[in-house]
Amino acid sequence: MLLLMWLLMLLVLQLQLLLLLLLIIIIIIIIIIIKIPLLLPLLPLLLLLLLLLRLLILLQQLLLLLLLLLLLLLP
């Protein structure tokens, strides 16, 4: 059971790294779009995606915190 919890925690951490990488990529795309005026209509969509990604990261951090608490409570 303890091993399973540790593996789950590692999986959650991997997911967090992936989400952060995605966040960085979206920010770079937004910077490129701002430089090219023709692509400006895509900006609201990307900002919404950025917000969604940020919410996912927060949710995932909460999950990690819950896993850690559960791990501490296990005998």
PDB file of N, CA and C in Angstrom:
ATOM      1  N   MET A   1       0.835  -1.197   0.000  1.00  0.00           N
ATOM      2  CA  MET A   1       0.000   0.000   0.000  1.00  0.00           C
ATOM      3  C   MET A   1       0.874   1.253   0.000  1.00  0.00           C
ATOM      4  N   LEU A   2       1.905   1.231   0.822  1.00  0.00           N
ATOM      5  CA  LEU A   2       2.808   2.364   0.906  1.00  0.00           C
ATOM      6  C   LEU A   2       3.520   2.598  -0.430  1.00  0.00           C
ATOM      7  N   LEU A   3       3.942   1.526  -1.057  1.00  0.00           N
ATOM      8  CA  LEU A   3       4.602   1.613  -2.353  1.00  0.00           C
ATOM      9  C   LEU A   3       3.666   2.193  -3.405  1.00  0.00           C
ATOM     10  N   LEU A   4       2.430   1.776  -3.363  1.00  0.00           N
ATOM     11  CA  LEU A   4       1.424   2.289  -4.287  1.00  0.00           C
ATOM     12  C   LEU A   4       1.239   3.799  -4.114  1.00  0.00           C
ATOM     13  N   MET A   5       1.218   4.232  -2.880  1.00  0.00           N
ATOM     14  CA  MET A   5       1.064   5.675  -2.605  1.00  0.00           C
ATOM     15  C   MET A   5       2.267   6.459  -3.146  1.00  0.00           C
ATOM     16  N   TRP A   6       3.450   5.923  -2.960  1.00  0.00           N
ATOM     17  CA  TRP A   6       4.651   6.596  -3.466  1.00  0.00           C
ATOM     18  C   TRP A   6       4.642   6.657  -4.984  1.00  0.00           C
ATOM     19  N   LEU A   7       4.233   5.597  -5.616  1.00  0.00           N
ATOM     20  CA  LEU A   7       4.151   5.575  -7.078  1.00  0.00           C
ATOM     21  C   LEU A   7       3.117   6.569  -7.592  1.00  0.00           C
ATOM     22  N   LEU A   8       2.007   6.639  -6.909  1.00  0.00           N
ATOM     23  CA  LEU A   8       0.971   7.601  -7.271  1.00  0.00           C
ATOM     24  C   LEU A   8       1.483   9.035  -7.120  1.00  0.00           C
ATOM     25  N   MET A   9       2.222   9.273  -6.070  1.00  0.00           N
ATOM     26  CA  MET A   9       2.791  10.596  -5.848  1.00  0.00           C
ATOM     27  C   MET A   9       3.800  10.950  -6.945  1.00  0.00           C
ATOM     28  N   LEU A  10       4.601  10.003  -7.349  1.00  0.00           N
ATOM     29  CA  LEU A  10       5.550  10.226  -8.444  1.00  0.00           C
ATOM     30  C   LEU A  10       4.830  10.521  -9.756  1.00  0.00           C
ATOM     31  N   LEU A  11       3.747   9.816  -9.986  1.00  0.00           N
ATOM     32  CA  LEU A  11       2.946  10.056 -11.179  1.00  0.00           C
ATOM     33  C   LEU A  11       2.372  11.473 -11.178  1.00  0.00           C
ATOM     34  N   VAL A  12       1.882  11.905 -10.031  1.00  0.00           N
ATOM     35  CA  VAL A  12       1.338  13.255  -9.892  1.00  0.00           C
ATOM     36  C   VAL A  12       2.434  14.296 -10.131  1.00  0.00           C
ATOM     37  N   LEU A  13       3.627  14.048  -9.631  1.00  0.00           N
ATOM     38  CA  LEU A  13       4.742  14.973  -9.855  1.00  0.00           C
ATOM     39  C   LEU A  13       5.135  15.031 -11.335  1.00  0.00           C
ATOM     40  N   GLN A  14       5.108  13.894 -11.995  1.00  0.00           N
ATOM     41  CA  GLN A  14       5.391  13.855 -13.427  1.00  0.00           C
ATOM     42  C   GLN A  14       4.370  14.689 -14.197  1.00  0.00           C
ATOM     43  N   LEU A  15       3.123  14.531 -13.827  1.00  0.00           N
ATOM     44  CA  LEU A  15       2.048  15.282 -14.461  1.00  0.00           C
ATOM     45  C   LEU A  15       2.243  16.786 -14.253  1.00  0.00           C
ATOM     46  N   GLN A  16       2.680  17.154 -13.079  1.00  0.00           N
ATOM     47  CA  GLN A  16       2.911  18.563 -12.790  1.00  0.00           C
ATOM     48  C   GLN A  16       4.037  19.125 -13.665  1.00  0.00           C
ATOM     49  N   LEU A  17       5.082  18.377 -13.854  1.00  0.00           N
ATOM     50  CA  LEU A  17       6.169  18.817 -14.732  1.00  0.00           C
ATOM     51  C   LEU A  17       5.684  18.990 -16.166  1.00  0.00           C
ATOM     52  N   LEU A  18       4.865  18.065 -16.615  1.00  0.00           N
ATOM     53  CA  LEU A  18       4.306  18.144 -17.958  1.00  0.00           C
ATOM     54  C   LEU A  18       3.427  19.384 -18.115  1.00  0.00           C
ATOM     55  N   LEU A  19       2.599  19.649 -17.119  1.00  0.00           N
ATOM     56  CA  LEU A  19       1.730  20.823 -17.164  1.00  0.00           C
ATOM     57  C   LEU A  19       2.544  22.127 -17.158  1.00  0.00           C
ATOM     58  N   LEU A  20       3.593  22.165 -16.382  1.00  0.00           N
ATOM     59  CA  LEU A  20       4.441  23.356 -16.355  1.00  0.00           C
ATOM     60  C   LEU A  20       5.137  23.576 -17.692  1.00  0.00           C
ATOM     61  N   LEU A  21       5.560  22.504 -18.320  1.00  0.00           N
ATOM     62  CA  LEU A  21       6.172  22.606 -19.645  1.00  0.00           C
ATOM     63  C   LEU A  21       5.165  23.139 -20.657  1.00  0.00           C
ATOM     64  N   LEU A  22       3.949  22.638 -20.591  1.00  0.00           N
ATOM     65  CA  LEU A  22       2.875  23.122 -21.459  1.00  0.00           C
ATOM     66  C   LEU A  22       2.602  24.601 -21.219  1.00  0.00           C
ATOM     67  N   LEU A  23       2.623  25.009 -19.976  1.00  0.00           N
ATOM     68  CA  LEU A  23       2.417  26.404 -19.614  1.00  0.00           C
ATOM     69  C   LEU A  23       3.490  27.297 -20.255  1.00  0.00           C
ATOM     70  N   ILE A  24       4.728  26.872 -20.178  1.00  0.00           N
ATOM     71  CA  ILE A  24       5.831  27.627 -20.769  1.00  0.00           C
ATOM     72  C   ILE A  24       5.668  27.718 -22.287  1.00  0.00           C
ATOM     73  N   ILE A  25       5.280  26.632 -22.920  1.00  0.00           N
ATOM     74  CA  ILE A  25       5.079  26.618 -24.374  1.00  0.00           C
ATOM     75  C   ILE A  25       3.966  27.587 -24.775  1.00  0.00           C
ATOM     76  N   ILE A  26       2.871  27.583 -24.035  1.00  0.00           N
ATOM     77  CA  ILE A  26       1.758  28.495 -24.341  1.00  0.00           C
ATOM     78  C   ILE A  26       2.173  29.946 -24.165  1.00  0.00           C
ATOM     79  N   ILE A  27       2.933  30.238 -23.144  1.00  0.00           N
ATOM     80  CA  ILE A  27       3.407  31.610 -22.930  1.00  0.00           C
ATOM     81  C   ILE A  27       4.301  32.053 -24.097  1.00  0.00           C
ATOM     82  N   ILE A  28       5.160  31.173 -24.575  1.00  0.00           N
ATOM     83  CA  ILE A  28       6.013  31.494 -25.724  1.00  0.00           C
ATOM     84  C   ILE A  28       5.153  31.747 -26.963  1.00  0.00           C
ATOM     85  N   ILE A  29       4.125  30.925 -27.182  1.00  0.00           N
ATOM     86  CA  ILE A  29       3.216  31.112 -28.323  1.00  0.00           C
ATOM     87  C   ILE A  29       2.496  32.457 -28.212  1.00  0.00           C
ATOM     88  N   ILE A  30       2.075  32.829 -27.009  1.00  0.00           N
ATOM     89  CA  ILE A  30       1.406  34.120 -26.811  1.00  0.00           C
ATOM     90  C   ILE A  30       2.346  35.269 -27.161  1.00  0.00           C
ATOM     91  N   ILE A  31       3.592  35.158 -26.754  1.00  0.00           N
ATOM     92  CA  ILE A  31       4.579  36.195 -27.082  1.00  0.00           C
ATOM     93  C   ILE A  31       4.762  36.300 -28.605  1.00  0.00           C
ATOM     94  N   ILE A  32       4.813  35.167 -29.285  1.00  0.00           N
ATOM     95  CA  ILE A  32       4.938  35.171 -30.750  1.00  0.00           C
ATOM     96  C   ILE A  32       3.707  35.811 -31.393  1.00  0.00           C
ATOM     97  N   ILE A  33       2.521  35.476 -30.893  1.00  0.00           N
ATOM     98  CA  ILE A  33       1.273  36.031 -31.442  1.00  0.00           C
ATOM     99  C   ILE A  33       1.226  37.545 -31.268  1.00  0.00           C
ATOM    100  N   ILE A  34       1.694  38.036 -30.142  1.00  0.00           N
ATOM    101  CA  ILE A  34       1.698  39.476 -29.903  1.00  0.00           C
ATOM    102  C   ILE A  34       2.637  40.179 -30.906  1.00  0.00           C
ATOM    103  N   LYS A  35       3.696  39.516 -31.287  1.00  0.00           N
ATOM    104  CA  LYS A  35       4.641  40.088 -32.260  1.00  0.00           C
ATOM    105  C   LYS A  35       4.064  40.104 -33.677  1.00  0.00           C
ATOM    106  N   ILE A  36       3.160  39.174 -33.987  1.00  0.00           N
ATOM    107  CA  ILE A  36       2.569  39.079 -35.331  1.00  0.00           C
ATOM    108  C   ILE A  36       1.105  39.509 -35.248  1.00  0.00           C
ATOM    109  N   PRO A  37       0.788  40.719 -35.687  1.00  0.00           N
ATOM    110  CA  PRO A  37      -0.573  41.272 -35.539  1.00  0.00           C
ATOM    111  C   PRO A  37      -1.674  40.456 -36.222  1.00  0.00           C
ATOM    112  N   LEU A  38      -1.341  39.724 -37.270  1.00  0.00           N
ATOM    113  CA  LEU A  38      -2.354  38.924 -37.981  1.00  0.00           C
ATOM    114  C   LEU A  38      -2.940  37.822 -37.103  1.00  0.00           C
ATOM    115  N   LEU A  39      -2.170  37.354 -36.149  1.00  0.00           N
ATOM    116  CA  LEU A  39      -2.609  36.241 -35.295  1.00  0.00           C
ATOM    117  C   LEU A  39      -3.303  36.701 -34.014  1.00  0.00           C
ATOM    118  N   LEU A  40      -3.489  37.994 -33.857  1.00  0.00           N
ATOM    119  CA  LEU A  40      -4.097  38.527 -32.631  1.00  0.00           C
ATOM    120  C   LEU A  40      -5.474  37.956 -32.277  1.00  0.00           C
ATOM    121  N   PRO A  41      -6.319  37.592 -33.244  1.00  0.00           N
ATOM    122  CA  PRO A  41      -7.619  36.982 -32.870  1.00  0.00           C
ATOM    123  C   PRO A  41      -7.478  35.690 -32.056  1.00  0.00           C
ATOM    124  N   LEU A  42      -6.347  35.028 -32.131  1.00  0.00           N
ATOM    125  CA  LEU A  42      -6.136  33.792 -31.373  1.00  0.00           C
ATOM    126  C   LEU A  42      -5.796  34.044 -29.911  1.00  0.00           C
ATOM    127  N   LEU A  43      -5.469  35.262 -29.592  1.00  0.00           N
ATOM    128  CA  LEU A  43      -5.016  35.594 -28.240  1.00  0.00           C
ATOM    129  C   LEU A  43      -6.031  35.261 -27.132  1.00  0.00           C
ATOM    130  N   PRO A  44      -7.308  35.628 -27.257  1.00  0.00           N
ATOM    131  CA  PRO A  44      -8.255  35.280 -26.176  1.00  0.00           C
ATOM    132  C   PRO A  44      -8.357  33.771 -25.926  1.00  0.00           C
ATOM    133  N   LEU A  45      -8.315  33.018 -27.007  1.00  0.00           N
ATOM    134  CA  LEU A  45      -8.376  31.562 -26.874  1.00  0.00           C
ATOM    135  C   LEU A  45      -7.163  31.028 -26.108  1.00  0.00           C
ATOM    136  N   LEU A  46      -6.007  31.549 -26.428  1.00  0.00           N
ATOM    137  CA  LEU A  46      -4.788  31.112 -25.742  1.00  0.00           C
ATOM    138  C   LEU A  46      -4.782  31.554 -24.277  1.00  0.00           C
ATOM    139  N   LEU A  47      -5.296  32.720 -24.014  1.00  0.00           N
ATOM    140  CA  LEU A  47      -5.366  33.184 -22.625  1.00  0.00           C
ATOM    141  C   LEU A  47      -6.311  32.306 -21.811  1.00  0.00           C
ATOM    142  N   LEU A  48      -7.401  31.907 -22.433  1.00  0.00           N
ATOM    143  CA  LEU A  48      -8.326  30.990 -21.770  1.00  0.00           C
ATOM    144  C   LEU A  48      -7.655  29.636 -21.505  1.00  0.00           C
ATOM    145  N   LEU A  49      -6.896  29.173 -22.483  1.00  0.00           N
ATOM    146  CA  LEU A  49      -6.155  27.932 -22.325  1.00  0.00           C
ATOM    147  C   LEU A  49      -5.126  28.051 -21.202  1.00  0.00           C
ATOM    148  N   LEU A  50      -4.496  29.183 -21.123  1.00  0.00           N
ATOM    149  CA  LEU A  50      -3.521  29.451 -20.071  1.00  0.00           C
ATOM    150  C   LEU A  50      -4.177  29.402 -18.683  1.00  0.00           C
ATOM    151  N   LEU A  51      -5.335  30.011 -18.577  1.00  0.00           N
ATOM    152  CA  LEU A  51      -6.083  29.996 -17.319  1.00  0.00           C
ATOM    153  C   LEU A  51      -6.490  28.569 -16.940  1.00  0.00           C
ATOM    154  N   LEU A  52      -6.963  27.840 -17.914  1.00  0.00           N
ATOM    155  CA  LEU A  52      -7.348  26.446 -17.681  1.00  0.00           C
ATOM    156  C   LEU A  52      -6.167  25.602 -17.214  1.00  0.00           C
ATOM    157  N   LEU A  53      -5.043  25.820 -17.853  1.00  0.00           N
ATOM    158  CA  LEU A  53      -3.831  25.093 -17.481  1.00  0.00           C
ATOM    159  C   LEU A  53      -3.407  25.442 -16.058  1.00  0.00           C
ATOM    160  N   ARG A  54      -3.517  26.694 -15.720  1.00  0.00           N
ATOM    161  CA  ARG A  54      -3.163  27.131 -14.363  1.00  0.00           C
ATOM    162  C   ARG A  54      -4.075  26.476 -13.324  1.00  0.00           C
ATOM    163  N   LEU A  55      -5.357  26.389 -13.651  1.00  0.00           N
ATOM    164  CA  LEU A  55      -6.301  25.712 -12.755  1.00  0.00           C
ATOM    165  C   LEU A  55      -5.963  24.230 -12.616  1.00  0.00           C
ATOM    166  N   LEU A  56      -5.569  23.619 -13.712  1.00  0.00           N
ATOM    167  CA  LEU A  56      -5.152  22.216 -13.665  1.00  0.00           C
ATOM    168  C   LEU A  56      -3.937  22.027 -12.767  1.00  0.00           C
ATOM    169  N   ILE A  57      -3.002  22.937 -12.856  1.00  0.00           N
ATOM    170  CA  ILE A  57      -1.799  22.850 -12.023  1.00  0.00           C
ATOM    171  C   ILE A  57      -2.168  22.998 -10.546  1.00  0.00           C
ATOM    172  N   LEU A  58      -3.053  23.928 -10.243  1.00  0.00           N
ATOM    173  CA  LEU A  58      -3.487  24.104  -8.851  1.00  0.00           C
ATOM    174  C   LEU A  58      -4.218  22.863  -8.331  1.00  0.00           C
ATOM    175  N   LEU A  59      -5.069  22.315  -9.158  1.00  0.00           N
ATOM    176  CA  LEU A  59      -5.800  21.109  -8.789  1.00  0.00           C
ATOM    177  C   LEU A  59      -4.841  19.944  -8.542  1.00  0.00           C
ATOM    178  N   GLN A  60      -3.851  19.867  -9.379  1.00  0.00           N
ATOM    179  CA  GLN A  60      -2.870  18.810  -9.265  1.00  0.00           C
ATOM    180  C   GLN A  60      -2.008  18.979  -8.012  1.00  0.00           C
ATOM    181  N   GLN A  61      -1.693  20.197  -7.653  1.00  0.00           N
ATOM    182  CA  GLN A  61      -0.943  20.444  -6.420  1.00  0.00           C
ATOM    183  C   GLN A  61      -1.774  20.076  -5.200  1.00  0.00           C
ATOM    184  N   LEU A  62      -3.058  20.345  -5.281  1.00  0.00           N
ATOM    185  CA  LEU A  62      -3.961  19.950  -4.205  1.00  0.00           C
ATOM    186  C   LEU A  62      -3.999  18.423  -4.060  1.00  0.00           C
ATOM    187  N   LEU A  63      -4.033  17.745  -5.188  1.00  0.00           N
ATOM    188  CA  LEU A  63      -4.007  16.285  -5.175  1.00  0.00           C
ATOM    189  C   LEU A  63      -2.720  15.761  -4.540  1.00  0.00           C
ATOM    190  N   LEU A  64      -1.625  16.387  -4.881  1.00  0.00           N
ATOM    191  CA  LEU A  64      -0.344  15.995  -4.306  1.00  0.00           C
ATOM    192  C   LEU A  64      -0.339  16.206  -2.788  1.00  0.00           C
ATOM    193  N   LEU A  65      -0.864  17.318  -2.353  1.00  0.00           N
ATOM    194  CA  LEU A  65      -0.961  17.603  -0.927  1.00  0.00           C
ATOM    195  C   LEU A  65      -1.828  16.566  -0.209  1.00  0.00           C
ATOM    196  N   LEU A  66      -2.948  16.213  -0.808  1.00  0.00           N
ATOM    197  CA  LEU A  66      -3.820  15.189  -0.234  1.00  0.00           C
ATOM    198  C   LEU A  66      -3.112  13.831  -0.158  1.00  0.00           C
ATOM    199  N   LEU A  67      -2.364  13.517  -1.209  1.00  0.00           N
ATOM    200  CA  LEU A  67      -1.608  12.259  -1.199  1.00  0.00           C
ATOM    201  C   LEU A  67      -0.572  12.243  -0.084  1.00  0.00           C
ATOM    202  N   LEU A  68       0.104  13.346   0.087  1.00  0.00           N
ATOM    203  CA  LEU A  68       1.098  13.434   1.159  1.00  0.00           C
ATOM    204  C   LEU A  68       0.450  13.288   2.533  1.00  0.00           C
ATOM    205  N   LEU A  69      -0.680  13.931   2.720  1.00  0.00           N
ATOM    206  CA  LEU A  69      -1.402  13.805   3.988  1.00  0.00           C
ATOM    207  C   LEU A  69      -1.833  12.365   4.235  1.00  0.00           C
ATOM    208  N   LEU A  70      -2.330  11.741   3.189  1.00  0.00           N
ATOM    209  CA  LEU A  70      -2.747  10.351   3.299  1.00  0.00           C
ATOM    210  C   LEU A  70      -1.555   9.449   3.633  1.00  0.00           C
ATOM    211  N   LEU A  71      -0.440   9.762   3.033  1.00  0.00           N
ATOM    212  CA  LEU A  71       0.778   9.000   3.294  1.00  0.00           C
ATOM    213  C   LEU A  71       1.237   9.158   4.745  1.00  0.00           C
ATOM    214  N   LEU A  72       1.070  10.345   5.284  1.00  0.00           N
ATOM    215  CA  LEU A  72       1.443  10.591   6.678  1.00  0.00           C
ATOM    216  C   LEU A  72       0.487   9.913   7.654  1.00  0.00           C
ATOM    217  N   LEU A  73      -0.757   9.794   7.263  1.00  0.00           N
ATOM    218  CA  LEU A  73      -1.754   9.197   8.152  1.00  0.00           C
ATOM    219  C   LEU A  73      -1.728   7.672   8.156  1.00  0.00           C
ATOM    220  N   LEU A  74      -1.130   7.103   7.115  1.00  0.00           N
ATOM    221  CA  LEU A  74      -1.043   5.637   7.079  1.00  0.00           C
ATOM    222  C   LEU A  74      -0.084   5.134   8.151  1.00  0.00           C
ATOM    223  N   PRO A  75      -0.437   4.036   8.800  1.00  0.00           N
ATOM    224  CA  PRO A  75       0.452   3.503   9.842  1.00  0.00           C
ATOM    225  C   PRO A  75       1.720   2.880   9.257  1.00  0.00           C
TER     226      PRO A  75
END
